[in-house]
């Protein structure tokens, strides 16, 4: 899997998110300096081994950012699994996440 097969979709989705939410507070797309996995065909493996990071994050309240619809965080990431497999993830976290998680845990405990 070559880098453009990963970075193309990453930056395409990132640009769409920028149009909706503005410039991300965190925008990292790099291979660690000195990594042996620095060839274009190595990007998925580099990501899977923690040698490369591709992430964009929008965080409500960070640098004056105000996210709509009770969103707390929007995050775009690339996860690598092997030299030929990578996955683009888009995560939305809402402000009521912690409360929801507490309710889920309480229900799970009651069912034991």
N, C-alpha and C. Protein backbone atom coordinates (compact mmCIF):
# COMPACT_ATOMS: atom_id res chain seq x y z
N UNK A 1 0.85 -1.17 0.00
CA UNK A 1 0.00 0.00 0.00
C UNK A 1 0.90 1.24 0.00
N UNK A 2 0.75 2.08 -1.01
CA UNK A 2 1.58 3.28 -1.11
C UNK A 2 0.97 4.43 -0.32
N UNK A 3 1.81 5.37 0.05
CA UNK A 3 1.42 6.49 0.90
C UNK A 3 0.22 7.25 0.34
N UNK A 4 0.17 7.48 -0.98
CA UNK A 4 -0.93 8.26 -1.53
C UNK A 4 -2.28 7.56 -1.39
N UNK A 5 -2.28 6.24 -1.25
CA UNK A 5 -3.52 5.51 -1.02
C UNK A 5 -4.04 5.75 0.40
N UNK A 6 -3.17 6.17 1.28
CA UNK A 6 -3.54 6.50 2.66
C UNK A 6 -3.74 8.00 2.81
N UNK A 7 -2.76 8.77 2.36
CA UNK A 7 -2.82 10.22 2.58
C UNK A 7 -3.89 10.90 1.74
N UNK A 8 -4.16 10.38 0.54
CA UNK A 8 -5.19 10.98 -0.31
C UNK A 8 -6.54 11.04 0.40
N UNK A 9 -7.08 9.90 0.82
CA UNK A 9 -8.35 9.94 1.55
C UNK A 9 -8.27 10.71 2.87
N UNK A 10 -7.15 10.60 3.57
CA UNK A 10 -6.98 11.33 4.84
C UNK A 10 -7.13 12.83 4.62
N UNK A 11 -6.40 13.37 3.65
CA UNK A 11 -6.47 14.81 3.41
C UNK A 11 -7.79 15.22 2.77
N UNK A 12 -8.40 14.36 1.96
CA UNK A 12 -9.72 14.67 1.37
C UNK A 12 -10.77 14.84 2.47
N UNK A 13 -10.83 13.89 3.38
CA UNK A 13 -11.79 13.97 4.48
C UNK A 13 -11.42 15.13 5.41
N UNK A 14 -10.13 15.31 5.66
CA UNK A 14 -9.68 16.41 6.51
C UNK A 14 -10.11 17.77 5.97
N UNK A 15 -10.01 17.96 4.65
CA UNK A 15 -10.44 19.23 4.04
C UNK A 15 -11.94 19.44 4.22
N UNK A 16 -12.73 18.38 4.08
CA UNK A 16 -14.17 18.50 4.29
C UNK A 16 -14.49 18.86 5.74
N UNK A 17 -13.78 18.25 6.67
CA UNK A 17 -13.99 18.58 8.08
C UNK A 17 -13.56 20.01 8.38
N UNK A 18 -12.49 20.47 7.75
CA UNK A 18 -12.06 21.87 7.93
C UNK A 18 -13.12 22.83 7.43
N UNK A 19 -13.77 22.48 6.33
CA UNK A 19 -14.83 23.34 5.81
C UNK A 19 -15.98 23.45 6.80
N UNK A 20 -16.24 22.39 7.54
CA UNK A 20 -17.34 22.38 8.50
C UNK A 20 -16.95 22.96 9.86
N UNK A 21 -15.76 22.57 10.39
CA UNK A 21 -15.38 22.93 11.75
C UNK A 21 -14.25 23.94 11.87
N UNK A 22 -13.63 24.29 10.75
CA UNK A 22 -12.50 25.21 10.80
C UNK A 22 -11.18 24.45 10.92
N UNK A 23 -10.13 25.20 11.11
CA UNK A 23 -8.78 24.61 11.20
C UNK A 23 -8.69 23.73 12.44
N UNK A 24 -8.15 22.51 12.29
CA UNK A 24 -8.04 21.63 13.47
C UNK A 24 -7.03 22.17 14.48
N UNK A 25 -7.30 21.92 15.75
CA UNK A 25 -6.37 22.33 16.80
C UNK A 25 -5.11 21.49 16.78
N UNK A 26 -5.25 20.26 16.33
CA UNK A 26 -4.10 19.34 16.24
C UNK A 26 -4.11 18.76 14.84
N UNK A 27 -3.00 18.91 14.15
CA UNK A 27 -2.88 18.43 12.76
C UNK A 27 -1.49 17.85 12.59
N UNK A 28 -1.39 16.54 12.75
CA UNK A 28 -0.08 15.87 12.70
C UNK A 28 -0.10 14.84 11.58
N UNK A 29 0.85 14.94 10.71
CA UNK A 29 1.01 13.93 9.65
C UNK A 29 2.49 13.86 9.32
N UNK A 30 3.13 12.87 9.97
CA UNK A 30 4.58 12.75 9.81
C UNK A 30 5.07 11.36 10.17
N UNK A 31 6.20 11.01 9.59
CA UNK A 31 6.94 9.81 9.96
C UNK A 31 8.02 10.28 10.93
N UNK A 32 8.24 9.53 12.00
CA UNK A 32 9.24 9.93 12.98
C UNK A 32 10.61 10.07 12.32
N UNK A 33 11.34 11.13 12.66
CA UNK A 33 12.68 11.29 12.12
C UNK A 33 13.56 10.08 12.45
N UNK A 34 14.29 9.61 11.49
CA UNK A 34 15.18 8.48 11.69
C UNK A 34 14.53 7.12 11.54
N UNK A 35 13.21 7.10 11.27
CA UNK A 35 12.52 5.81 11.11
C UNK A 35 13.03 5.10 9.87
N UNK A 36 13.24 3.80 9.99
CA UNK A 36 13.63 2.99 8.83
C UNK A 36 12.45 2.79 7.88
N UNK A 37 11.23 3.03 8.39
CA UNK A 37 10.02 2.86 7.58
C UNK A 37 9.63 4.20 6.95
N UNK A 38 10.49 4.73 6.10
CA UNK A 38 10.26 6.06 5.56
C UNK A 38 9.99 6.08 4.05
N UNK A 39 9.87 4.91 3.43
CA UNK A 39 9.55 4.86 2.01
C UNK A 39 8.03 4.95 1.84
N UNK A 40 7.56 5.47 0.69
CA UNK A 40 6.11 5.58 0.49
C UNK A 40 5.34 4.28 0.70
N UNK A 41 5.92 3.16 0.30
CA UNK A 41 5.23 1.88 0.46
C UNK A 41 5.26 1.36 1.90
N UNK A 42 5.96 2.05 2.80
CA UNK A 42 6.07 1.63 4.19
C UNK A 42 5.09 2.34 5.13
N UNK A 43 4.29 3.28 4.62
CA UNK A 43 3.51 4.13 5.51
C UNK A 43 2.53 3.34 6.38
N UNK A 44 1.79 2.40 5.83
CA UNK A 44 0.84 1.64 6.65
C UNK A 44 1.57 0.91 7.78
N UNK A 45 2.69 0.29 7.47
CA UNK A 45 3.47 -0.41 8.49
C UNK A 45 4.03 0.58 9.52
N UNK A 46 4.51 1.72 9.06
CA UNK A 46 5.04 2.73 9.97
C UNK A 46 3.95 3.19 10.95
N UNK A 47 2.75 3.39 10.46
CA UNK A 47 1.64 3.80 11.33
C UNK A 47 1.33 2.68 12.32
N UNK A 48 1.27 1.44 11.85
CA UNK A 48 0.93 0.33 12.74
C UNK A 48 1.97 0.13 13.83
N UNK A 49 3.21 0.48 13.58
CA UNK A 49 4.28 0.33 14.57
C UNK A 49 4.56 1.59 15.38
N UNK A 50 3.73 2.61 15.20
CA UNK A 50 3.92 3.85 15.95
C UNK A 50 5.05 4.71 15.44
N UNK A 51 5.51 4.43 14.22
CA UNK A 51 6.61 5.19 13.61
C UNK A 51 6.09 6.38 12.79
N UNK A 52 4.79 6.44 12.59
CA UNK A 52 4.18 7.54 11.85
C UNK A 52 2.82 7.86 12.46
N UNK A 53 2.42 9.12 12.36
CA UNK A 53 1.15 9.57 12.91
C UNK A 53 0.43 10.42 11.87
N UNK A 54 -0.82 10.10 11.65
CA UNK A 54 -1.69 10.91 10.80
C UNK A 54 -2.97 11.14 11.58
N UNK A 55 -3.15 12.36 12.10
CA UNK A 55 -4.32 12.69 12.91
C UNK A 55 -4.67 14.16 12.79
N UNK A 56 -5.94 14.45 12.82
CA UNK A 56 -6.46 15.81 12.92
C UNK A 56 -7.51 15.79 14.02
N UNK A 57 -7.46 16.79 14.90
CA UNK A 57 -8.39 16.84 16.02
C UNK A 57 -8.96 18.24 16.18
N UNK A 58 -10.27 18.28 16.35
CA UNK A 58 -10.98 19.51 16.68
C UNK A 58 -11.54 19.31 18.08
N UNK A 59 -11.21 20.20 19.02
CA UNK A 59 -11.62 20.06 20.42
C UNK A 59 -12.37 21.32 20.84
N UNK A 60 -13.59 21.14 21.30
CA UNK A 60 -14.41 22.27 21.73
C UNK A 60 -13.70 23.02 22.86
N UNK A 61 -13.63 24.32 22.74
CA UNK A 61 -13.01 25.15 23.77
C UNK A 61 -11.52 25.37 23.58
N UNK A 62 -10.90 24.62 22.68
CA UNK A 62 -9.46 24.78 22.45
C UNK A 62 -9.23 25.93 21.49
N UNK A 63 -8.43 26.89 21.90
CA UNK A 63 -8.12 28.08 21.09
C UNK A 63 -9.38 28.78 20.58
N UNK A 64 -10.39 28.83 21.45
CA UNK A 64 -11.62 29.53 21.10
C UNK A 64 -12.55 28.75 20.17
N UNK A 65 -12.23 27.49 19.87
CA UNK A 65 -13.06 26.70 18.97
C UNK A 65 -14.39 26.35 19.65
N UNK A 66 -15.46 26.54 18.90
CA UNK A 66 -16.79 26.17 19.37
C UNK A 66 -17.38 25.18 18.38
N UNK A 67 -17.52 23.93 18.83
CA UNK A 67 -18.09 22.90 17.98
C UNK A 67 -19.61 22.90 18.13
N UNK A 68 -20.34 22.62 17.06
CA UNK A 68 -21.81 22.63 17.11
C UNK A 68 -22.38 21.35 17.70
N UNK A 69 -23.68 21.38 17.95
CA UNK A 69 -24.46 20.17 18.28
C UNK A 69 -23.94 19.39 19.48
N UNK A 70 -23.48 20.13 20.50
CA UNK A 70 -23.00 19.48 21.73
C UNK A 70 -21.79 18.57 21.52
N UNK A 71 -21.05 18.80 20.43
CA UNK A 71 -19.84 18.03 20.20
C UNK A 71 -18.73 18.50 21.14
N UNK A 72 -17.98 17.55 21.65
CA UNK A 72 -16.81 17.86 22.47
C UNK A 72 -15.53 17.71 21.65
N UNK A 73 -15.52 16.72 20.74
CA UNK A 73 -14.30 16.42 20.00
C UNK A 73 -14.66 15.73 18.68
N UNK A 74 -13.90 16.09 17.64
CA UNK A 74 -13.97 15.42 16.35
C UNK A 74 -12.53 15.02 16.03
N UNK A 75 -12.34 13.75 15.68
CA UNK A 75 -10.97 13.28 15.43
C UNK A 75 -10.91 12.38 14.21
N UNK A 76 -9.97 12.69 13.32
CA UNK A 76 -9.71 11.90 12.13
C UNK A 76 -8.34 11.25 12.31
N UNK A 77 -8.28 9.94 12.16
CA UNK A 77 -7.03 9.19 12.35
C UNK A 77 -6.84 8.17 11.25
N UNK A 78 -5.58 7.80 11.05
CA UNK A 78 -5.26 6.63 10.23
C UNK A 78 -4.68 5.58 11.17
N UNK A 79 -5.23 4.37 11.06
CA UNK A 79 -4.70 3.23 11.81
C UNK A 79 -4.11 2.27 10.79
N UNK A 80 -2.89 1.81 11.03
CA UNK A 80 -2.25 0.85 10.15
C UNK A 80 -2.25 -0.52 10.79
N UNK A 81 -2.46 -1.56 9.98
CA UNK A 81 -2.52 -2.92 10.51
C UNK A 81 -1.40 -3.80 9.98
N UNK A 82 -0.91 -3.49 8.79
CA UNK A 82 0.12 -4.31 8.15
C UNK A 82 0.71 -3.50 7.00
N UNK A 83 1.64 -4.05 6.25
CA UNK A 83 2.18 -3.30 5.11
C UNK A 83 1.12 -2.99 4.04
N UNK A 84 0.01 -3.72 4.06
CA UNK A 84 -1.00 -3.55 3.00
C UNK A 84 -2.37 -3.13 3.52
N UNK A 85 -2.50 -2.86 4.82
CA UNK A 85 -3.80 -2.52 5.38
C UNK A 85 -3.73 -1.30 6.28
N UNK A 86 -4.62 -0.36 5.99
CA UNK A 86 -4.77 0.83 6.84
C UNK A 86 -6.25 1.18 6.88
N UNK A 87 -6.65 1.87 7.92
CA UNK A 87 -8.04 2.22 8.13
C UNK A 87 -8.13 3.68 8.51
N UNK A 88 -9.03 4.39 7.89
CA UNK A 88 -9.30 5.78 8.22
C UNK A 88 -10.47 5.79 9.21
N UNK A 89 -10.29 6.42 10.36
CA UNK A 89 -11.36 6.49 11.36
C UNK A 89 -11.77 7.93 11.59
N UNK A 90 -13.05 8.14 11.79
CA UNK A 90 -13.60 9.45 12.11
C UNK A 90 -14.45 9.26 13.37
N UNK A 91 -14.07 9.95 14.44
CA UNK A 91 -14.72 9.77 15.73
C UNK A 91 -15.34 11.09 16.18
N UNK A 92 -16.59 11.00 16.62
CA UNK A 92 -17.28 12.14 17.21
C UNK A 92 -17.53 11.82 18.68
N UNK A 93 -17.12 12.73 19.56
CA UNK A 93 -17.36 12.55 20.99
C UNK A 93 -18.23 13.72 21.45
N UNK A 94 -19.34 13.40 22.09
CA UNK A 94 -20.27 14.43 22.53
C UNK A 94 -20.03 14.81 23.99
N UNK A 95 -20.53 15.97 24.38
CA UNK A 95 -20.29 16.49 25.72
C UNK A 95 -20.89 15.61 26.80
N UNK A 96 -21.92 14.85 26.46
CA UNK A 96 -22.56 13.99 27.47
C UNK A 96 -21.97 12.58 27.49
N UNK A 97 -20.83 12.38 26.85
CA UNK A 97 -20.21 11.04 26.75
C UNK A 97 -19.97 10.41 28.11
N UNK A 98 -19.37 11.16 29.04
CA UNK A 98 -19.04 10.58 30.34
C UNK A 98 -20.30 10.16 31.10
N UNK A 99 -21.35 10.98 31.02
CA UNK A 99 -22.62 10.62 31.66
C UNK A 99 -23.23 9.37 31.04
N UNK A 100 -23.18 9.27 29.73
CA UNK A 100 -23.70 8.09 29.04
C UNK A 100 -22.92 6.84 29.44
N UNK A 101 -21.62 6.97 29.50
CA UNK A 101 -20.78 5.83 29.89
C UNK A 101 -21.10 5.37 31.31
N UNK A 102 -21.35 6.31 32.21
CA UNK A 102 -21.71 5.96 33.59
C UNK A 102 -23.03 5.19 33.63
N UNK A 103 -24.00 5.63 32.84
CA UNK A 103 -25.29 4.93 32.78
C UNK A 103 -25.14 3.53 32.22
N UNK A 104 -24.34 3.38 31.18
CA UNK A 104 -24.11 2.06 30.58
C UNK A 104 -23.46 1.13 31.60
N UNK A 105 -22.46 1.63 32.31
CA UNK A 105 -21.78 0.80 33.32
C UNK A 105 -22.76 0.39 34.44
N UNK A 106 -23.58 1.35 34.88
CA UNK A 106 -24.54 1.06 35.95
C UNK A 106 -25.52 -0.04 35.49
N UNK A 107 -26.00 0.04 34.27
CA UNK A 107 -26.91 -0.98 33.75
C UNK A 107 -26.22 -2.33 33.62
N UNK A 108 -24.97 -2.31 33.19
CA UNK A 108 -24.21 -3.56 33.05
C UNK A 108 -24.03 -4.23 34.42
N UNK A 109 -23.74 -3.44 35.42
CA UNK A 109 -23.55 -3.98 36.77
C UNK A 109 -24.86 -4.55 37.32
N UNK A 110 -25.98 -3.89 37.04
CA UNK A 110 -27.28 -4.37 37.51
C UNK A 110 -27.62 -5.72 36.87
N UNK A 111 -27.15 -5.96 35.67
CA UNK A 111 -27.51 -7.19 34.97
C UNK A 111 -26.65 -8.38 35.39
N UNK A 112 -25.66 -8.17 36.25
CA UNK A 112 -24.81 -9.29 36.70
C UNK A 112 -25.47 -10.13 37.75
